[in-house]
Amino acid sequence: MSESPVHRDIDRIISRFYPQTQKGADILANSLNTTVYMPDFFEPDHPFPIEHFPPGTPEQKQEFHNFFATVANPSKNTQKLLSFGEVLKAAGARKVGVYGFCWGESGC
């Protein structure tokens, strides 16, 4: 398969630092001959505890809801993402592509 010039110029952005996520990012970068960035959208906080997912108790459900109201607030993180894209473009990226997966909140 020939390499598309479009793919060479796209920077992909992935979040969540699990080993399988990083491995997938490496595979994507190698197969598309591009750079993949994994910014920490939760910094200075942390991702939702994986041991509480899916939330099974009323307390864990509230904790999950609170996570999306604060740390993972869509508006706040959209702004972080747009700012990061601007930094990439200022550094010379001609195109920036973004994709992600649902975090499980009802708004997805």
C-alpha atoms as a PDB file:
ATOM      1  CA  MET A   1       0.000   0.000   0.000  1.00  0.00           C
ATOM      2  CA  SER A   2       1.447   3.355  -0.957  1.00  0.00           C
ATOM      3  CA  GLU A   3       1.775   6.055   1.634  1.00  0.00           C
ATOM      4  CA  SER A   4      -0.669   8.921   1.323  1.00  0.00           C
ATOM      5  CA  PRO A   5       0.955  12.367   1.552  1.00  0.00           C
ATOM      6  CA  VAL A   6      -1.988  13.441   3.697  1.00  0.00           C
ATOM      7  CA  HIS A   7      -1.159  10.836   6.337  1.00  0.00           C
ATOM      8  CA  ARG A   8       2.454  11.996   6.592  1.00  0.00           C
ATOM      9  CA  ASP A   9       1.306  15.463   7.647  1.00  0.00           C
ATOM     10  CA  ILE A  10      -1.311  14.558  10.235  1.00  0.00           C
ATOM     11  CA  ASP A  11      -0.496  14.577  13.913  1.00  0.00           C
ATOM     12  CA  ARG A  12      -2.781  12.336  15.926  1.00  0.00           C
ATOM     13  CA  ILE A  13      -3.682  13.057  19.527  1.00  0.00           C
ATOM     14  CA  ILE A  14      -4.559  10.288  21.961  1.00  0.00           C
ATOM     15  CA  SER A  15      -5.150  10.498  25.683  1.00  0.00           C
ATOM     16  CA  ARG A  16      -4.938   7.986  28.561  1.00  0.00           C
ATOM     17  CA  PHE A  17      -1.556   6.502  29.390  1.00  0.00           C
ATOM     18  CA  TYR A  18      -2.320   2.815  29.647  1.00  0.00           C
ATOM     19  CA  PRO A  19       0.310   0.481  28.140  1.00  0.00           C
ATOM     20  CA  GLN A  20      -2.107  -0.836  25.518  1.00  0.00           C
ATOM     21  CA  THR A  21      -3.005   2.745  24.539  1.00  0.00           C
ATOM     22  CA  GLN A  22       0.653   3.650  24.089  1.00  0.00           C
ATOM     23  CA  LYS A  23       1.253   0.472  22.077  1.00  0.00           C
ATOM     24  CA  GLY A  24      -1.717   1.353  19.852  1.00  0.00           C
ATOM     25  CA  ALA A  25      -0.335   4.873  19.411  1.00  0.00           C
ATOM     26  CA  ASP A  26       3.047   3.423  18.395  1.00  0.00           C
ATOM     27  CA  ILE A  27       1.388   1.111  15.864  1.00  0.00           C
ATOM     28  CA  LEU A  28      -0.613   4.018  14.461  1.00  0.00           C
ATOM     29  CA  ALA A  29       2.464   6.243  14.207  1.00  0.00           C
ATOM     30  CA  ASN A  30       4.475   3.530  12.459  1.00  0.00           C
ATOM     31  CA  SER A  31       1.742   2.491  10.049  1.00  0.00           C
ATOM     32  CA  LEU A  32       0.921   6.077   9.020  1.00  0.00           C
ATOM     33  CA  ASN A  33       4.474   7.410   9.255  1.00  0.00           C
ATOM     34  CA  THR A  34       3.286  10.243  11.470  1.00  0.00           C
ATOM     35  CA  THR A  35       3.722  11.617  14.969  1.00  0.00           C
ATOM     36  CA  VAL A  36       1.230  10.682  17.652  1.00  0.00           C
ATOM     37  CA  TYR A  37       0.847  12.859  20.735  1.00  0.00           C
ATOM     38  CA  MET A  38      -0.657  11.680  24.008  1.00  0.00           C
ATOM     39  CA  PRO A  39      -1.303  14.837  26.056  1.00  0.00           C
ATOM     40  CA  ASP A  40      -2.351  14.423  29.662  1.00  0.00           C
ATOM     41  CA  PHE A  41      -5.792  16.031  29.765  1.00  0.00           C
ATOM     42  CA  PHE A  42      -6.163  15.100  33.447  1.00  0.00           C
ATOM     43  CA  GLU A  43      -3.017  16.868  34.654  1.00  0.00           C
ATOM     44  CA  PRO A  44      -2.582  17.873  37.436  1.00  0.00           C
ATOM     45  CA  ASP A  45      -5.282  15.371  38.447  1.00  0.00           C
ATOM     46  CA  HIS A  46      -5.607  11.704  37.511  1.00  0.00           C
ATOM     47  CA  PRO A  47      -7.854   9.568  35.290  1.00  0.00           C
ATOM     48  CA  PHE A  48     -10.928   7.951  36.799  1.00  0.00           C
ATOM     49  CA  PRO A  49      -9.744   4.914  38.837  1.00  0.00           C
ATOM     50  CA  ILE A  50      -9.934   1.892  36.555  1.00  0.00           C
ATOM     51  CA  GLU A  51     -10.815  -0.294  39.543  1.00  0.00           C
ATOM     52  CA  HIS A  52     -14.063   1.710  39.907  1.00  0.00           C
ATOM     53  CA  PHE A  53     -15.088   1.221  36.286  1.00  0.00           C
ATOM     54  CA  PRO A  54     -17.750   0.456  35.495  1.00  0.00           C
ATOM     55  CA  PRO A  55     -19.120   2.126  38.608  1.00  0.00           C
ATOM     56  CA  GLY A  56     -21.164  -0.423  40.518  1.00  0.00           C
ATOM     57  CA  THR A  57     -22.166   1.292  43.719  1.00  0.00           C
ATOM     58  CA  PRO A  58     -24.089   4.545  44.176  1.00  0.00           C
ATOM     59  CA  GLU A  59     -20.898   6.064  45.611  1.00  0.00           C
ATOM     60  CA  GLN A  60     -18.834   5.038  42.573  1.00  0.00           C
ATOM     61  CA  LYS A  61     -21.543   6.342  40.256  1.00  0.00           C
ATOM     62  CA  GLN A  62     -21.416   9.685  42.048  1.00  0.00           C
ATOM     63  CA  GLU A  63     -17.611   9.652  41.890  1.00  0.00           C
ATOM     64  CA  PHE A  64     -17.860   9.016  38.120  1.00  0.00           C
ATOM     65  CA  HIS A  65     -20.359  11.837  37.699  1.00  0.00           C
ATOM     66  CA  ASN A  66     -18.125  14.160  39.729  1.00  0.00           C
ATOM     67  CA  PHE A  67     -15.142  13.215  37.559  1.00  0.00           C
ATOM     68  CA  PHE A  68     -16.966  14.487  34.459  1.00  0.00           C
ATOM     69  CA  ALA A  69     -18.111  17.602  36.257  1.00  0.00           C
ATOM     70  CA  THR A  70     -14.542  18.502  37.214  1.00  0.00           C
ATOM     71  CA  VAL A  71     -11.410  16.758  35.880  1.00  0.00           C
ATOM     72  CA  ALA A  72     -12.958  15.441  32.650  1.00  0.00           C
ATOM     73  CA  ASN A  73     -15.273  18.403  32.050  1.00  0.00           C
ATOM     74  CA  PRO A  74     -15.888  18.380  28.270  1.00  0.00           C
ATOM     75  CA  SER A  75     -15.745  22.171  27.852  1.00  0.00           C
ATOM     76  CA  LYS A  76     -12.518  22.499  29.817  1.00  0.00           C
ATOM     77  CA  ASN A  77     -10.867  19.638  27.953  1.00  0.00           C
ATOM     78  CA  THR A  78     -12.076  20.856  24.554  1.00  0.00           C
ATOM     79  CA  GLN A  79     -10.261  24.109  25.255  1.00  0.00           C
ATOM     80  CA  LYS A  80      -7.110  22.197  26.238  1.00  0.00           C
ATOM     81  CA  LEU A  81      -7.344  20.206  23.007  1.00  0.00           C
ATOM     82  CA  LEU A  82      -7.802  23.295  20.837  1.00  0.00           C
ATOM     83  CA  SER A  83      -4.884  25.025  22.553  1.00  0.00           C
ATOM     84  CA  PHE A  84      -2.681  21.975  21.998  1.00  0.00           C
ATOM     85  CA  GLY A  85      -3.659  21.929  18.319  1.00  0.00           C
ATOM     86  CA  GLU A  86      -2.660  25.579  18.015  1.00  0.00           C
ATOM     87  CA  VAL A  87       0.727  24.799  19.559  1.00  0.00           C
ATOM     88  CA  LEU A  88       1.235  21.999  17.015  1.00  0.00           C
ATOM     89  CA  LYS A  89       0.271  24.270  14.133  1.00  0.00           C
ATOM     90  CA  ALA A  90       2.571  27.027  15.407  1.00  0.00           C
ATOM     91  CA  ALA A  91       5.348  24.418  15.448  1.00  0.00           C
ATOM     92  CA  GLY A  92       4.723  23.666  11.769  1.00  0.00           C
ATOM     93  CA  ALA A  93       2.046  20.964  11.683  1.00  0.00           C
ATOM     94  CA  ARG A  94       0.010  21.479   8.523  1.00  0.00           C
ATOM     95  CA  LYS A  95      -2.852  19.248   9.608  1.00  0.00           C
ATOM     96  CA  VAL A  96      -3.925  17.931  12.976  1.00  0.00           C
ATOM     97  CA  GLY A  97      -6.300  15.000  13.371  1.00  0.00           C
ATOM     98  CA  VAL A  98      -7.946  13.960  16.606  1.00  0.00           C
ATOM     99  CA  TYR A  99      -9.838  10.868  17.575  1.00  0.00           C
ATOM    100  CA  GLY A 100     -10.898   9.268  20.784  1.00  0.00           C
ATOM    101  CA  PHE A 101     -13.199   6.870  22.459  1.00  0.00           C
ATOM    102  CA  CYS A 102     -16.158   7.451  24.732  1.00  0.00           C
ATOM    103  CA  TRP A 103     -15.296   7.624  28.407  1.00  0.00           C
ATOM    104  CA  GLY A 104     -18.670   6.143  29.262  1.00  0.00           C
ATOM    105  CA  GLU A 105     -20.516   9.280  30.351  1.00  0.00           C
ATOM    106  CA  SER A 106     -24.126   9.596  29.204  1.00  0.00           C
ATOM    107  CA  GLY A 107     -23.167  12.579  27.014  1.00  0.00           C
ATOM    108  CA  CYS A 108     -21.149  10.364  24.666  1.00  0.00           C
END
